[in-house]
Amino acid sequence: MLFHHQLPQLDLSARVVGYWTHVDHDLIFDPQLGRLDQTEGTTRRGFVAALRATGRFIDESASVTYAYATFDDTGLLVPYVPAWVARSDTSLFGAIPGLRISGRPITGTLGLRLSYVGERALPFSQTAPGSFVADLHATLRWSFVELGVDIWNLFNRQYAQGEFFYASDFRTRPYPTLAPTSHFTAAAPRTFLVTLALIFDQETRR
């Protein structure tokens, strides 16, 4: 389903798509093998909804995806597939009022990205928690010089970027355990990046 509407200073568009897919032999990551391994058939059903709003100084793009993935033979959830994924990208841009150097305006951009990954099924009926992350991007440009700042993981959230559940042996006991346990890779902490760019385009020659 598609939607489009033009307002005096805003262009709106949206779409919603439902899906149903079946795979006779799927590929699922096996942590014991360290690679994808062939499994029995799986079925996925869900939908994707997206929204886009564009104006003179703002651009917003948002989407949400739902997926319900199960094995055909057992009906169990396919591991590592999040049920919900949502993302929002908001950007403000344009010349900054009242700021000019040598007759040239100073333009800027300010962007905020919000990402949500829902709970994921794990082997042995375990569940990996969801995560919510915000990233910030800002730039200031004068003539051909642009200064940019990026902040990843704005709120310094501590979460598992990838999580698995299996039995492992680090030789800490005489006999290896066969009991599976949680293993995860930690996401990066708050990260600051500063960039300086020299840009030569039509805007520079104005």
N, C-alpha and C. Protein backbone atom coordinates (compact mmCIF):
# COMPACT_ATOMS: atom_id res chain seq x y z
N MET A 1 0.85 -1.17 0.00
CA MET A 1 0.00 0.00 0.00
C MET A 1 0.89 1.23 0.00
N LEU A 2 0.62 2.17 -0.90
CA LEU A 2 1.42 3.37 -1.04
C LEU A 2 0.57 4.60 -0.75
N PHE A 3 1.23 5.64 -0.20
CA PHE A 3 0.55 6.90 0.09
C PHE A 3 1.50 8.04 -0.23
N HIS A 4 0.99 9.09 -0.88
CA HIS A 4 1.80 10.28 -1.18
C HIS A 4 0.91 11.50 -1.12
N HIS A 5 1.41 12.53 -0.43
CA HIS A 5 0.64 13.77 -0.30
C HIS A 5 1.59 14.95 -0.29
N GLN A 6 1.25 15.98 -1.04
CA GLN A 6 2.08 17.17 -1.14
C GLN A 6 1.43 18.31 -0.38
N LEU A 7 2.09 18.77 0.67
CA LEU A 7 1.65 19.94 1.42
C LEU A 7 2.39 21.17 0.93
N PRO A 8 1.96 22.37 1.32
CA PRO A 8 2.64 23.58 0.83
C PRO A 8 4.15 23.58 1.02
N GLN A 9 4.63 23.10 2.18
CA GLN A 9 6.08 23.10 2.41
C GLN A 9 6.59 21.75 2.90
N LEU A 10 5.83 20.70 2.61
CA LEU A 10 6.24 19.38 3.08
C LEU A 10 5.73 18.31 2.12
N ASP A 11 6.62 17.40 1.77
CA ASP A 11 6.27 16.28 0.90
C ASP A 11 6.22 15.01 1.75
N LEU A 12 5.07 14.34 1.76
CA LEU A 12 4.87 13.15 2.58
C LEU A 12 4.68 11.93 1.71
N SER A 13 5.32 10.83 2.09
CA SER A 13 5.11 9.56 1.40
C SER A 13 5.22 8.44 2.42
N ALA A 14 4.46 7.38 2.19
CA ALA A 14 4.46 6.24 3.11
C ALA A 14 4.13 4.98 2.33
N ARG A 15 4.56 3.85 2.85
CA ARG A 15 4.24 2.57 2.23
C ARG A 15 4.20 1.48 3.30
N VAL A 16 3.35 0.50 3.08
CA VAL A 16 3.24 -0.66 3.96
C VAL A 16 3.23 -1.90 3.08
N VAL A 17 4.11 -2.84 3.38
CA VAL A 17 4.24 -4.06 2.58
C VAL A 17 4.20 -5.26 3.53
N GLY A 18 3.34 -6.22 3.24
CA GLY A 18 3.31 -7.47 3.98
C GLY A 18 4.03 -8.56 3.20
N TYR A 19 4.56 -9.55 3.90
CA TYR A 19 5.29 -10.60 3.19
C TYR A 19 5.10 -11.95 3.89
N TRP A 20 5.28 -12.99 3.11
CA TRP A 20 5.27 -14.38 3.57
C TRP A 20 6.28 -15.13 2.72
N THR A 21 7.30 -15.67 3.34
CA THR A 21 8.35 -16.37 2.59
C THR A 21 8.58 -17.76 3.18
N HIS A 22 8.93 -18.69 2.32
CA HIS A 22 9.24 -20.06 2.74
C HIS A 22 10.53 -20.50 2.07
N VAL A 23 11.43 -21.10 2.86
CA VAL A 23 12.70 -21.62 2.36
C VAL A 23 12.79 -23.09 2.73
N ASP A 24 13.01 -23.95 1.74
CA ASP A 24 13.08 -25.39 2.00
C ASP A 24 14.25 -25.77 2.90
N HIS A 25 15.42 -25.16 2.64
CA HIS A 25 16.62 -25.42 3.45
C HIS A 25 17.27 -24.08 3.74
N ASP A 26 17.15 -23.65 4.99
CA ASP A 26 17.67 -22.33 5.37
C ASP A 26 19.11 -22.44 5.84
N LEU A 27 19.78 -21.29 5.93
CA LEU A 27 21.14 -21.20 6.46
C LEU A 27 21.09 -20.41 7.75
N ILE A 28 21.47 -21.05 8.86
CA ILE A 28 21.46 -20.44 10.18
C ILE A 28 22.86 -20.51 10.77
N PHE A 29 23.28 -19.44 11.44
CA PHE A 29 24.62 -19.42 12.03
C PHE A 29 24.73 -20.45 13.15
N ASP A 30 25.78 -21.26 13.08
CA ASP A 30 26.07 -22.27 14.10
C ASP A 30 27.33 -21.83 14.85
N PRO A 31 27.22 -21.41 16.12
CA PRO A 31 28.40 -20.93 16.84
C PRO A 31 29.44 -22.02 17.07
N GLN A 32 29.03 -23.28 17.12
CA GLN A 32 30.00 -24.37 17.30
C GLN A 32 30.88 -24.52 16.07
N LEU A 33 30.29 -24.33 14.89
CA LEU A 33 31.05 -24.43 13.65
C LEU A 33 31.70 -23.11 13.27
N GLY A 34 31.16 -22.01 13.79
CA GLY A 34 31.69 -20.70 13.44
C GLY A 34 31.30 -20.25 12.05
N ARG A 35 30.22 -20.78 11.52
CA ARG A 35 29.79 -20.43 10.16
C ARG A 35 28.31 -20.76 10.00
N LEU A 36 27.76 -20.38 8.84
CA LEU A 36 26.39 -20.73 8.53
C LEU A 36 26.28 -22.22 8.24
N ASP A 37 25.20 -22.82 8.69
CA ASP A 37 24.98 -24.24 8.47
C ASP A 37 23.56 -24.46 7.97
N GLN A 38 23.38 -25.47 7.14
CA GLN A 38 22.07 -25.74 6.55
C GLN A 38 21.15 -26.38 7.58
N THR A 39 19.89 -25.91 7.59
CA THR A 39 18.89 -26.44 8.51
C THR A 39 17.66 -26.86 7.72
N GLU A 40 16.63 -27.27 8.46
CA GLU A 40 15.36 -27.59 7.83
C GLU A 40 14.68 -26.32 7.33
N GLY A 41 13.52 -26.49 6.68
CA GLY A 41 12.82 -25.36 6.11
C GLY A 41 12.32 -24.38 7.16
N THR A 42 12.21 -23.12 6.77
CA THR A 42 11.71 -22.06 7.66
C THR A 42 10.67 -21.24 6.92
N THR A 43 9.81 -20.60 7.69
CA THR A 43 8.79 -19.71 7.14
C THR A 43 8.83 -18.40 7.90
N ARG A 44 8.78 -17.30 7.14
CA ARG A 44 8.78 -15.96 7.73
C ARG A 44 7.55 -15.20 7.26
N ARG A 45 6.90 -14.51 8.18
CA ARG A 45 5.79 -13.63 7.80
C ARG A 45 5.89 -12.36 8.63
N GLY A 46 5.44 -11.28 8.03
CA GLY A 46 5.55 -10.00 8.72
C GLY A 46 5.19 -8.85 7.81
N PHE A 47 5.67 -7.67 8.16
CA PHE A 47 5.38 -6.49 7.35
C PHE A 47 6.49 -5.46 7.52
N VAL A 48 6.53 -4.52 6.57
CA VAL A 48 7.46 -3.39 6.61
C VAL A 48 6.65 -2.12 6.39
N ALA A 49 6.81 -1.14 7.25
CA ALA A 49 6.14 0.15 7.12
C ALA A 49 7.20 1.25 7.12
N ALA A 50 7.09 2.19 6.18
CA ALA A 50 8.08 3.25 6.06
C ALA A 50 7.39 4.58 5.81
N LEU A 51 8.00 5.64 6.35
CA LEU A 51 7.47 7.00 6.20
C LEU A 51 8.60 7.93 5.84
N ARG A 52 8.33 8.87 4.92
CA ARG A 52 9.33 9.87 4.52
C ARG A 52 8.66 11.23 4.46
N ALA A 53 9.24 12.22 5.13
CA ALA A 53 8.75 13.59 5.11
C ALA A 53 9.91 14.52 4.79
N THR A 54 9.76 15.31 3.73
CA THR A 54 10.84 16.18 3.27
C THR A 54 10.32 17.61 3.12
N GLY A 55 11.05 18.55 3.70
CA GLY A 55 10.69 19.96 3.60
C GLY A 55 11.89 20.81 3.22
N ARG A 56 11.74 22.12 3.36
CA ARG A 56 12.82 23.04 2.97
C ARG A 56 14.04 22.89 3.86
N PHE A 57 13.83 22.55 5.12
CA PHE A 57 14.96 22.46 6.05
C PHE A 57 14.93 21.20 6.91
N ILE A 58 14.05 20.26 6.59
CA ILE A 58 13.94 19.05 7.39
C ILE A 58 13.74 17.83 6.50
N ASP A 59 14.31 16.72 6.91
CA ASP A 59 14.14 15.45 6.20
C ASP A 59 14.01 14.36 7.26
N GLU A 60 12.88 13.68 7.26
CA GLU A 60 12.62 12.62 8.23
C GLU A 60 12.32 11.32 7.50
N SER A 61 13.02 10.26 7.89
CA SER A 61 12.79 8.93 7.33
C SER A 61 12.66 7.95 8.49
N ALA A 62 11.55 7.23 8.53
CA ALA A 62 11.31 6.29 9.63
C ALA A 62 10.77 4.98 9.06
N SER A 63 11.12 3.89 9.70
CA SER A 63 10.64 2.58 9.25
C SER A 63 10.54 1.63 10.43
N VAL A 64 9.65 0.65 10.29
CA VAL A 64 9.50 -0.40 11.30
C VAL A 64 9.25 -1.71 10.58
N THR A 65 9.89 -2.78 11.05
CA THR A 65 9.76 -4.10 10.44
C THR A 65 9.38 -5.12 11.51
N TYR A 66 8.45 -5.97 11.15
CA TYR A 66 8.07 -7.07 12.04
C TYR A 66 8.30 -8.39 11.30
N ALA A 67 8.92 -9.34 11.99
CA ALA A 67 9.19 -10.65 11.38
C ALA A 67 8.90 -11.75 12.40
N TYR A 68 8.14 -12.73 11.97
CA TYR A 68 7.86 -13.92 12.79
C TYR A 68 8.39 -15.11 12.01
N ALA A 69 9.55 -15.62 12.43
CA ALA A 69 10.25 -16.67 11.70
C ALA A 69 10.25 -17.96 12.52
N THR A 70 9.79 -19.06 11.92
CA THR A 70 9.71 -20.34 12.62
C THR A 70 10.24 -21.47 11.74
N PHE A 71 10.71 -22.53 12.40
CA PHE A 71 11.07 -23.75 11.69
C PHE A 71 9.80 -24.52 11.34
N ASP A 72 9.77 -25.09 10.14
CA ASP A 72 8.58 -25.80 9.68
C ASP A 72 8.34 -27.09 10.45
N ASP A 73 9.42 -27.78 10.86
CA ASP A 73 9.24 -29.09 11.49
C ASP A 73 8.88 -28.99 12.97
N THR A 74 9.42 -28.03 13.69
CA THR A 74 9.18 -27.94 15.13
C THR A 74 8.30 -26.77 15.53
N GLY A 75 8.20 -25.76 14.68
CA GLY A 75 7.44 -24.56 15.04
C GLY A 75 8.19 -23.62 15.95
N LEU A 76 9.45 -23.95 16.30
CA LEU A 76 10.24 -23.07 17.16
C LEU A 76 10.70 -21.84 16.39
N LEU A 77 10.97 -20.78 17.13
CA LEU A 77 11.45 -19.55 16.50
C LEU A 77 12.85 -19.74 15.94
N VAL A 78 13.11 -19.16 14.78
CA VAL A 78 14.44 -19.19 14.19
C VAL A 78 15.36 -18.30 15.02
N PRO A 79 16.50 -18.81 15.48
CA PRO A 79 17.37 -18.00 16.34
C PRO A 79 17.99 -16.82 15.60
N TYR A 80 18.30 -15.79 16.37
CA TYR A 80 19.02 -14.59 15.93
C TYR A 80 18.19 -13.69 15.03
N VAL A 81 16.90 -13.94 14.88
CA VAL A 81 16.04 -13.08 14.06
C VAL A 81 15.21 -12.20 14.99
N PRO A 82 15.44 -10.87 15.01
CA PRO A 82 14.64 -10.01 15.88
C PRO A 82 13.21 -9.89 15.37
N ALA A 83 12.27 -9.89 16.31
CA ALA A 83 10.87 -9.75 15.91
C ALA A 83 10.58 -8.34 15.42
N TRP A 84 11.16 -7.34 16.06
CA TRP A 84 10.91 -5.95 15.70
C TRP A 84 12.23 -5.22 15.44
N VAL A 85 12.24 -4.43 14.38
CA VAL A 85 13.36 -3.54 14.08
C VAL A 85 12.78 -2.19 13.66
N ALA A 86 13.22 -1.13 14.30
CA ALA A 86 12.71 0.21 13.97
C ALA A 86 13.87 1.19 13.87
N ARG A 87 13.70 2.17 12.99
CA ARG A 87 14.75 3.17 12.81
C ARG A 87 14.14 4.50 12.39
N SER A 88 14.72 5.57 12.92
CA SER A 88 14.30 6.92 12.56
C SER A 88 15.53 7.76 12.28
N ASP A 89 15.55 8.44 11.13
CA ASP A 89 16.62 9.35 10.76
C ASP A 89 16.02 10.74 10.56
N THR A 90 16.41 11.68 11.41
CA THR A 90 15.90 13.05 11.33
C THR A 90 17.06 13.99 11.03
N SER A 91 16.88 14.86 10.04
CA SER A 91 17.95 15.77 9.64
C SER A 91 17.39 17.17 9.46
N LEU A 92 18.07 18.15 10.07
CA LEU A 92 17.79 19.57 9.86
C LEU A 92 18.96 20.16 9.10
N PHE A 93 18.67 21.02 8.14
CA PHE A 93 19.76 21.56 7.32
C PHE A 93 19.38 22.94 6.80
N GLY A 94 20.40 23.73 6.43
CA GLY A 94 20.16 25.05 5.86
C GLY A 94 21.14 26.08 6.39
N ALA A 95 21.01 27.30 5.89
CA ALA A 95 21.87 28.40 6.34
C ALA A 95 21.45 28.84 7.74
N ILE A 96 22.45 29.17 8.57
CA ILE A 96 22.19 29.62 9.94
C ILE A 96 21.90 31.12 9.90
N PRO A 97 20.73 31.55 10.34
CA PRO A 97 20.36 32.98 10.24
C PRO A 97 21.33 33.87 11.01
N GLY A 98 21.75 34.95 10.37
CA GLY A 98 22.59 35.95 11.01
C GLY A 98 24.07 35.62 11.06
N LEU A 99 24.48 34.47 10.54
CA LEU A 99 25.90 34.09 10.56
C LEU A 99 26.47 34.13 9.16
N ARG A 100 27.37 35.09 8.93
CA ARG A 100 28.05 35.23 7.65
C ARG A 100 29.49 35.65 7.91
N ILE A 101 30.40 35.15 7.11
CA ILE A 101 31.80 35.52 7.17
C ILE A 101 32.24 35.92 5.77
N SER A 102 32.76 37.16 5.64
CA SER A 102 33.17 37.69 4.34
C SER A 102 32.04 37.61 3.33
N GLY A 103 30.83 37.84 3.79
CA GLY A 103 29.68 37.84 2.90
C GLY A 103 29.14 36.47 2.55
N ARG A 104 29.80 35.42 3.02
CA ARG A 104 29.33 34.06 2.73
C ARG A 104 28.56 33.50 3.93
N PRO A 105 27.46 32.81 3.69
CA PRO A 105 26.69 32.25 4.80
C PRO A 105 27.37 31.02 5.39
N ILE A 106 27.04 30.74 6.62
CA ILE A 106 27.46 29.50 7.28
C ILE A 106 26.26 28.57 7.29
N THR A 107 26.43 27.41 6.69
CA THR A 107 25.34 26.43 6.65
C THR A 107 25.64 25.30 7.63
N GLY A 108 24.60 24.66 8.06
CA GLY A 108 24.78 23.58 9.02
C GLY A 108 23.81 22.44 8.81
N THR A 109 24.15 21.30 9.36
CA THR A 109 23.25 20.15 9.39
C THR A 109 23.27 19.56 10.79
N LEU A 110 22.14 19.05 11.20
CA LEU A 110 22.03 18.38 12.49
C LEU A 110 21.17 17.14 12.29
N GLY A 111 21.75 15.99 12.55
CA GLY A 111 21.05 14.74 12.31
C GLY A 111 21.00 13.87 13.56
N LEU A 112 19.87 13.20 13.75
CA LEU A 112 19.70 12.28 14.87
C LEU A 112 19.17 10.96 14.35
N ARG A 113 19.86 9.87 14.67
CA ARG A 113 19.44 8.53 14.26
C ARG A 113 19.07 7.72 15.49
N LEU A 114 17.87 7.17 15.49
CA LEU A 114 17.39 6.31 16.56
C LEU A 114 17.20 4.90 16.01
N SER A 115 17.78 3.92 16.66
CA SER A 115 17.70 2.53 16.18
C SER A 115 17.24 1.62 17.31
N TYR A 116 16.28 0.77 16.99
CA TYR A 116 15.80 -0.20 17.97
C TYR A 116 15.80 -1.59 17.34
N VAL A 117 16.41 -2.53 18.02
CA VAL A 117 16.40 -3.94 17.61
C VAL A 117 15.76 -4.72 18.75
N GLY A 118 14.67 -5.40 18.45
CA GLY A 118 13.91 -6.09 19.49
C GLY A 118 14.56 -7.38 19.95
N GLU A 119 13.86 -8.07 20.82
CA GLU A 119 14.36 -9.34 21.34
C GLU A 119 14.56 -10.36 20.22
N ARG A 120 15.58 -11.20 20.40
CA ARG A 120 15.89 -12.25 19.43
C ARG A 120 15.87 -13.60 20.12
N ALA A 121 15.30 -14.56 19.44
CA ALA A 121 15.31 -15.93 19.97
C ALA A 121 16.72 -16.50 19.89
N LEU A 122 17.07 -17.31 20.88
CA LEU A 122 18.35 -18.02 20.91
C LEU A 122 18.08 -19.51 21.02
N PRO A 123 19.10 -20.34 20.74
CA PRO A 123 18.91 -21.79 20.92
C PRO A 123 18.55 -22.13 22.36
N PHE A 124 17.97 -23.31 22.55
CA PHE A 124 17.58 -23.82 23.87
C PHE A 124 16.54 -22.93 24.54
N SER A 125 15.65 -22.34 23.73
CA SER A 125 14.53 -21.53 24.22
C SER A 125 14.97 -20.31 25.02
N GLN A 126 16.16 -19.80 24.74
CA GLN A 126 16.64 -18.59 25.40
C GLN A 126 16.29 -17.37 24.54
N THR A 127 16.42 -16.18 25.13
CA THR A 127 16.08 -14.94 24.44
C THR A 127 17.16 -13.90 24.70
N ALA A 128 17.57 -13.20 23.65
CA ALA A 128 18.51 -12.08 23.77
C ALA A 128 17.71 -10.79 23.88
N PRO A 129 18.05 -9.91 24.84
CA PRO A 129 17.28 -8.68 25.01
C PRO A 129 17.46 -7.72 23.84
N GLY A 130 16.51 -6.82 23.69
CA GLY A 130 16.58 -5.82 22.64
C GLY A 130 17.53 -4.69 23.02
N SER A 131 17.73 -3.77 22.09
CA SER A 131 18.63 -2.64 22.32
C SER A 131 18.09 -1.39 21.63
N PHE A 132 18.36 -0.24 22.23
CA PHE A 132 17.98 1.05 21.67
C PHE A 132 19.22 1.94 21.67
N VAL A 133 19.55 2.51 20.51
CA VAL A 133 20.77 3.30 20.36
C VAL A 133 20.45 4.59 19.62
N ALA A 134 21.08 5.68 20.06
CA ALA A 134 20.95 6.98 19.40
C ALA A 134 22.32 7.45 18.94
N ASP A 135 22.39 8.00 17.73
CA ASP A 135 23.62 8.56 17.18
C ASP A 135 23.34 9.99 16.73
N LEU A 136 24.35 10.86 16.86
CA LEU A 136 24.20 12.28 16.52
C LEU A 136 25.25 12.67 15.49
N HIS A 137 24.84 13.52 14.53
CA HIS A 137 25.74 14.01 13.49
C HIS A 137 25.48 15.49 13.28
N ALA A 138 26.54 16.31 13.24
CA ALA A 138 26.39 17.75 13.04
C ALA A 138 27.55 18.26 12.20
N THR A 139 27.26 19.24 11.33
CA THR A 139 28.30 19.86 10.52
C THR A 139 28.07 21.37 10.44
N LEU A 140 29.16 22.10 10.27
CA LEU A 140 29.14 23.52 9.95
C LEU A 140 30.01 23.74 8.73
N ARG A 141 29.48 24.49 7.75
CA ARG A 141 30.25 24.71 6.53
C ARG A 141 30.29 26.19 6.18
N TRP A 142 31.50 26.65 5.84
CA TRP A 142 31.70 27.99 5.30
C TRP A 142 32.55 27.87 4.05
N SER A 143 32.04 28.35 2.96
CA SER A 143 32.74 28.26 1.67
C SER A 143 33.10 26.80 1.39
N PHE A 144 34.40 26.49 1.30
CA PHE A 144 34.80 25.12 0.97
C PHE A 144 35.26 24.33 2.20
N VAL A 145 35.12 24.90 3.38
CA VAL A 145 35.58 24.25 4.61
C VAL A 145 34.37 23.74 5.40
N GLU A 146 34.42 22.46 5.79
CA GLU A 146 33.33 21.88 6.57
C GLU A 146 33.89 21.15 7.78
N LEU A 147 33.35 21.46 8.94
CA LEU A 147 33.73 20.81 10.18
C LEU A 147 32.56 19.94 10.64
N GLY A 148 32.86 18.68 10.93
CA GLY A 148 31.81 17.75 11.32
C GLY A 148 32.11 17.05 12.64
N VAL A 149 31.05 16.70 13.35
CA VAL A 149 31.15 15.97 14.62
C VAL A 149 30.15 14.83 14.59
N ASP A 150 30.61 13.63 14.93
CA ASP A 150 29.74 12.47 15.06
C ASP A 150 29.86 11.91 16.47
N ILE A 151 28.73 11.58 17.06
CA ILE A 151 28.72 10.91 18.35
C ILE A 151 27.92 9.63 18.19
N TRP A 152 28.59 8.52 18.28
CA TRP A 152 27.93 7.21 18.20
C TRP A 152 27.61 6.73 19.61
N ASN A 153 26.48 6.06 19.74
CA ASN A 153 26.00 5.61 21.05
C ASN A 153 25.92 6.81 22.00
N LEU A 154 25.08 7.76 21.64
CA LEU A 154 25.00 9.06 22.31
C LEU A 154 24.80 8.93 23.81
N PHE A 155 23.97 8.02 24.26
CA PHE A 155 23.67 7.89 25.68
C PHE A 155 24.54 6.84 26.37
N ASN A 156 25.58 6.38 25.67
CA ASN A 156 26.55 5.43 26.23
C ASN A 156 25.86 4.18 26.80
N ARG A 157 24.94 3.64 26.02
CA ARG A 157 24.22 2.44 26.46
C ARG A 157 25.13 1.22 26.42
N GLN A 158 25.01 0.37 27.41
CA GLN A 158 25.76 -0.88 27.46
C GLN A 158 24.82 -2.01 27.04
N TYR A 159 25.15 -2.65 25.93
CA TYR A 159 24.29 -3.72 25.42
C TYR A 159 25.13 -4.69 24.60
N ALA A 160 24.56 -5.85 24.36
CA ALA A 160 25.25 -6.87 23.57
C ALA A 160 24.93 -6.67 22.10
N GLN A 161 25.96 -6.43 21.30
CA GLN A 161 25.74 -6.26 19.87
C GLN A 161 25.39 -7.59 19.20
N GLY A 162 26.00 -8.65 19.68
CA GLY A 162 25.68 -9.99 19.21
C GLY A 162 25.69 -10.94 20.39
N GLU A 163 24.70 -11.82 20.47
CA GLU A 163 24.62 -12.74 21.61
C GLU A 163 24.30 -14.14 21.12
N PHE A 164 25.01 -15.13 21.70
CA PHE A 164 24.84 -16.53 21.32
C PHE A 164 24.69 -17.35 22.60
N PHE A 165 24.24 -18.58 22.43
CA PHE A 165 24.00 -19.45 23.59
C PHE A 165 24.46 -20.85 23.22
N TYR A 166 25.60 -21.27 23.78
CA TYR A 166 26.15 -22.59 23.47
C TYR A 166 27.15 -22.99 24.55
N ALA A 167 27.54 -24.24 24.54
CA ALA A 167 28.54 -24.75 25.49
C ALA A 167 29.94 -24.44 24.98
N SER A 168 30.80 -23.95 25.86
CA SER A 168 32.17 -23.62 25.46
C SER A 168 33.14 -24.13 26.52
N ASP A 169 34.40 -24.26 26.14
CA ASP A 169 35.42 -24.78 27.05
C ASP A 169 36.66 -23.91 26.95
N PHE A 170 37.00 -23.20 28.03
CA PHE A 170 38.20 -22.39 28.09
C PHE A 170 39.26 -23.04 28.98
N ARG A 171 39.13 -24.36 29.19
CA ARG A 171 40.11 -25.15 29.95
C ARG A 171 40.32 -24.59 31.37
N THR A 172 39.21 -24.21 32.01
CA THR A 172 39.29 -23.72 33.39
C THR A 172 38.96 -24.80 34.41
N ARG A 173 38.63 -26.00 33.95
CA ARG A 173 38.29 -27.10 34.85
C ARG A 173 38.80 -28.41 34.24
N PRO A 174 38.95 -29.45 35.05
CA PRO A 174 39.49 -30.71 34.52
C PRO A 174 38.66 -31.30 33.38
N TYR A 175 37.34 -31.17 33.49
CA TYR A 175 36.48 -31.74 32.46
C TYR A 175 35.61 -30.62 31.87
N PRO A 176 35.52 -30.55 30.56
CA PRO A 176 34.70 -29.49 29.95
C PRO A 176 33.23 -29.66 30.28
N THR A 177 32.55 -28.54 30.47
CA THR A 177 31.13 -28.58 30.74
C THR A 177 30.34 -28.72 29.45
N LEU A 178 29.22 -29.39 29.54
CA LEU A 178 28.33 -29.53 28.39
C LEU A 178 27.12 -28.60 28.51
N ALA A 179 27.09 -27.81 29.58
CA ALA A 179 25.96 -26.91 29.79
C ALA A 179 26.14 -25.65 28.95
N PRO A 180 25.17 -25.30 28.12
CA PRO A 180 25.29 -24.08 27.33
C PRO A 180 25.14 -22.84 28.20
N THR A 181 25.76 -21.78 27.80
CA THR A 181 25.69 -20.51 28.52
C THR A 181 25.74 -19.36 27.53
N SER A 182 25.46 -18.16 28.00
CA SER A 182 25.40 -16.99 27.13
C SER A 182 26.80 -16.49 26.79
N HIS A 183 27.01 -16.14 25.53
CA HIS A 183 28.24 -15.49 25.05
C HIS A 183 27.81 -14.27 24.24
N PHE A 184 28.53 -13.17 24.41
CA PHE A 184 28.12 -11.98 23.67
C PHE A 184 29.34 -11.12 23.33
N THR A 185 29.17 -10.31 22.31
CA THR A 185 30.15 -9.28 21.96
C THR A 185 29.58 -7.94 22.38
N ALA A 186 30.33 -7.20 23.19
CA ALA A 186 29.84 -5.93 23.71
C ALA A 186 29.87 -4.86 22.62
N ALA A 187 28.85 -4.03 22.61
CA ALA A 187 28.80 -2.92 21.66
C ALA A 187 29.81 -1.85 22.07
N ALA A 188 30.20 -1.03 21.12
CA ALA A 188 31.17 0.03 21.39
C ALA A 188 30.56 1.09 22.32
N PRO A 189 31.36 1.66 23.22
CA PRO A 189 30.85 2.73 24.08
C PRO A 189 30.65 4.02 23.28
N ARG A 190 30.25 5.07 23.99
CA ARG A 190 30.10 6.36 23.31
C ARG A 190 31.40 6.74 22.60
N THR A 191 31.27 7.11 21.34
CA THR A 191 32.44 7.39 20.51
C THR A 191 32.28 8.76 19.86
N PHE A 192 33.34 9.59 19.94
CA PHE A 192 33.35 10.91 19.33
C PHE A 192 34.26 10.89 18.11
N LEU A 193 33.78 11.43 17.01
CA LEU A 193 34.58 11.57 15.79
C LEU A 193 34.48 13.01 15.30
N VAL A 194 35.62 13.59 14.95
CA VAL A 194 35.67 14.95 14.41
C VAL A 194 36.31 14.89 13.03
N THR A 195 35.67 15.53 12.06
CA THR A 195 36.19 15.52 10.69
C THR A 195 36.34 16.95 10.18
N LEU A 196 37.33 17.15 9.34
CA LEU A 196 37.54 18.42 8.65
C LEU A 196 37.65 18.12 7.17
N ALA A 197 36.77 18.72 6.38
CA ALA A 197 36.72 18.41 4.95
C ALA A 197 36.87 19.69 4.14
N LEU A 198 37.54 19.56 3.00
CA LEU A 198 37.63 20.63 2.01
C LEU A 198 36.80 20.20 0.81
N ILE A 199 35.79 20.98 0.49
CA ILE A 199 34.81 20.61 -0.53
C ILE A 199 34.84 21.65 -1.65
N PHE A 200 35.02 21.18 -2.86
CA PHE A 200 35.04 22.06 -4.02
C PHE A 200 33.88 21.67 -4.93
N ASP A 201 32.83 22.48 -4.92
CA ASP A 201 31.64 22.21 -5.73
C ASP A 201 31.02 23.53 -6.15
N GLN A 202 29.82 23.50 -6.67
CA GLN A 202 29.15 24.71 -7.12
C GLN A 202 28.88 25.67 -5.96
N GLU A 203 28.63 25.13 -4.78
CA GLU A 203 28.40 25.98 -3.61
C GLU A 203 29.63 26.82 -3.29
N THR A 204 30.83 26.28 -3.53
CA THR A 204 32.06 27.00 -3.24
C THR A 204 32.23 28.21 -4.14
N ARG A 205 31.78 28.10 -5.39
CA ARG A 205 31.98 29.18 -6.35
C ARG A 205 30.95 30.29 -6.23
N ARG A 206 29.97 30.15 -5.37
CA ARG A 206 28.96 31.20 -5.22
C ARG A 206 29.52 32.39 -4.45
